[in-house]
Amino acid sequence: MKLDNVYSCLACCISVSYCPAEALPYRIARTLGYNVCVLVQIYWQLSVAQEEPLVLALLRHACVLVSHPLVALAAALAPVLVIAVRWRPPPPVPKEDADVEAAVLREALASRKEKAGN
């Protein structure tokens, strides 16, 4: 069974459970924590050129929204710390390659101007 199907089933199970209303500061903290977790994961995936469906990223961190506050805090911090440890910045572009790309772009722009002038 695919992982996204499992996450979808878990989301359905959570949606039918009963939870009493929390205080406003807890709801705000949960919302901010969830947003930070999802954004960090998405930007990390972009930086390492790895793609996955957005629903997986959203549902992976759903426990931040519905679990006990201490568990939600741990669930929010753990992936962010793992990503921070595993993230490696992309290697810098060598200067020669940047100059070649700039020259190609300048040449393309010049040829376009010539065509527009004719």
Protein backbone atom coordinates (compact mmCIF):
# COMPACT_ATOMS: atom_id res chain seq x y z
CA MET A 1 0.00 0.00 0.00
CA LYS A 2 1.31 3.45 -0.85
CA LEU A 3 2.40 5.77 1.93
CA ASP A 4 0.03 8.53 0.87
CA ASN A 5 -2.91 6.12 1.28
CA VAL A 6 -1.81 5.39 4.84
CA TYR A 7 -1.55 9.11 5.63
CA SER A 8 -4.99 9.71 4.12
CA CYS A 9 -6.52 6.94 6.27
CA LEU A 10 -4.90 8.39 9.40
CA ALA A 11 -6.22 11.84 8.55
CA CYS A 12 -9.74 10.42 8.19
CA CYS A 13 -9.45 8.66 11.56
CA ILE A 14 -8.32 11.86 13.24
CA SER A 15 -11.17 13.86 11.74
CA VAL A 16 -13.85 11.72 13.43
CA SER A 17 -12.26 11.76 16.90
CA TYR A 18 -13.43 14.12 19.64
CA CYS A 19 -11.09 16.67 21.21
CA PRO A 20 -12.14 19.42 23.62
CA ALA A 21 -11.39 23.00 22.56
CA GLU A 22 -7.97 24.33 23.60
CA ALA A 23 -7.02 27.79 24.75
CA LEU A 24 -6.18 30.33 22.05
CA PRO A 25 -2.39 30.47 22.78
CA TYR A 26 -2.13 26.69 22.25
CA ARG A 27 -4.03 26.90 18.97
CA ILE A 28 -1.81 29.74 17.75
CA ALA A 29 1.37 27.88 18.77
CA ARG A 30 0.18 24.71 17.04
CA THR A 31 -0.65 26.58 13.84
CA LEU A 32 2.69 28.39 13.75
CA GLY A 33 4.60 25.20 14.56
CA TYR A 34 2.81 23.30 11.82
CA ASN A 35 3.47 26.02 9.26
CA VAL A 36 7.16 26.20 10.19
CA CYS A 37 7.56 22.42 9.93
CA VAL A 38 5.92 22.25 6.51
CA LEU A 39 7.84 25.24 5.15
CA VAL A 40 11.19 23.93 6.40
CA GLN A 41 10.56 20.55 4.81
CA ILE A 42 9.43 22.01 1.49
CA TYR A 43 12.42 24.37 1.26
CA TRP A 44 14.77 21.56 2.21
CA GLN A 45 13.31 19.38 -0.53
CA LEU A 46 13.77 22.20 -3.02
CA SER A 47 17.38 22.71 -1.97
CA VAL A 48 18.29 19.05 -2.46
CA ALA A 49 16.21 18.73 -5.66
CA GLN A 50 13.97 16.08 -4.14
CA GLU A 51 10.27 16.08 -4.88
CA GLU A 52 7.28 14.42 -3.22
CA PRO A 53 3.55 15.10 -3.26
CA LEU A 54 2.49 18.09 -1.17
CA VAL A 55 -0.16 16.02 0.63
CA LEU A 56 2.61 13.89 2.16
CA ALA A 57 4.39 16.94 3.52
CA LEU A 58 1.14 18.31 4.94
CA LEU A 59 -0.03 15.08 6.52
CA ARG A 60 3.40 14.09 7.83
CA HIS A 61 3.29 16.98 10.29
CA ALA A 62 -0.42 16.73 11.15
CA CYS A 63 0.37 15.32 14.60
CA VAL A 64 1.53 18.83 15.54
CA LEU A 65 -2.07 19.97 15.19
CA VAL A 66 -3.82 17.18 17.09
CA SER A 67 -1.53 15.62 19.71
CA HIS A 68 -0.76 16.51 23.32
CA PRO A 69 1.19 19.82 23.53
CA LEU A 70 4.47 18.17 24.62
CA VAL A 71 4.21 15.53 21.91
CA ALA A 72 3.35 18.24 19.39
CA LEU A 73 6.44 20.23 20.44
CA ALA A 74 8.65 17.18 20.03
CA ALA A 75 7.01 16.36 16.69
CA ALA A 76 7.64 19.91 15.51
CA LEU A 77 11.26 20.13 16.64
CA ALA A 78 12.47 16.66 15.64
CA PRO A 79 12.08 17.00 11.84
CA VAL A 80 13.42 20.54 11.86
CA LEU A 81 16.53 19.44 13.77
CA VAL A 82 17.05 16.43 11.51
CA ILE A 83 16.77 18.62 8.42
CA ALA A 84 19.17 21.18 9.93
CA VAL A 85 21.75 18.47 10.60
CA ARG A 86 21.37 16.80 7.17
CA TRP A 87 21.19 19.95 5.05
CA ARG A 88 24.22 20.76 2.99
CA PRO A 89 24.34 23.97 0.98
CA PRO A 90 24.58 23.48 -2.77
CA PRO A 91 28.11 23.76 -4.12
CA PRO A 92 29.02 27.21 -5.40
CA VAL A 93 28.94 27.76 -9.14
CA PRO A 94 32.47 28.10 -10.50
CA LYS A 95 33.31 31.59 -11.73
CA GLU A 96 34.08 30.42 -15.29
CA ASP A 97 30.67 28.78 -15.67
CA ALA A 98 28.94 31.93 -14.51
CA ASP A 99 30.93 33.99 -17.03
CA VAL A 100 30.07 31.59 -19.87
CA GLU A 101 26.38 31.71 -18.96
CA ALA A 102 26.48 35.52 -18.83
CA ALA A 103 28.18 35.65 -22.23
CA VAL A 104 25.58 33.33 -23.76
CA LEU A 105 22.78 35.46 -22.32
CA ARG A 106 24.38 38.65 -23.64
CA GLU A 107 24.74 37.11 -27.09
CA ALA A 108 21.11 35.97 -27.12
CA LEU A 109 19.96 39.43 -26.08
CA ALA A 110 22.07 41.10 -28.75
CA SER A 111 20.71 38.80 -31.46
CA ARG A 112 17.17 39.47 -30.29
CA LYS A 113 17.76 43.24 -30.50
CA GLU A 114 19.14 42.83 -34.01
CA LYS A 115 16.08 40.88 -35.08
CA ALA A 116 13.77 43.46 -33.53
CA GLY A 117 15.60 46.28 -35.35
CA ASN A 118 15.15 44.63 -38.77
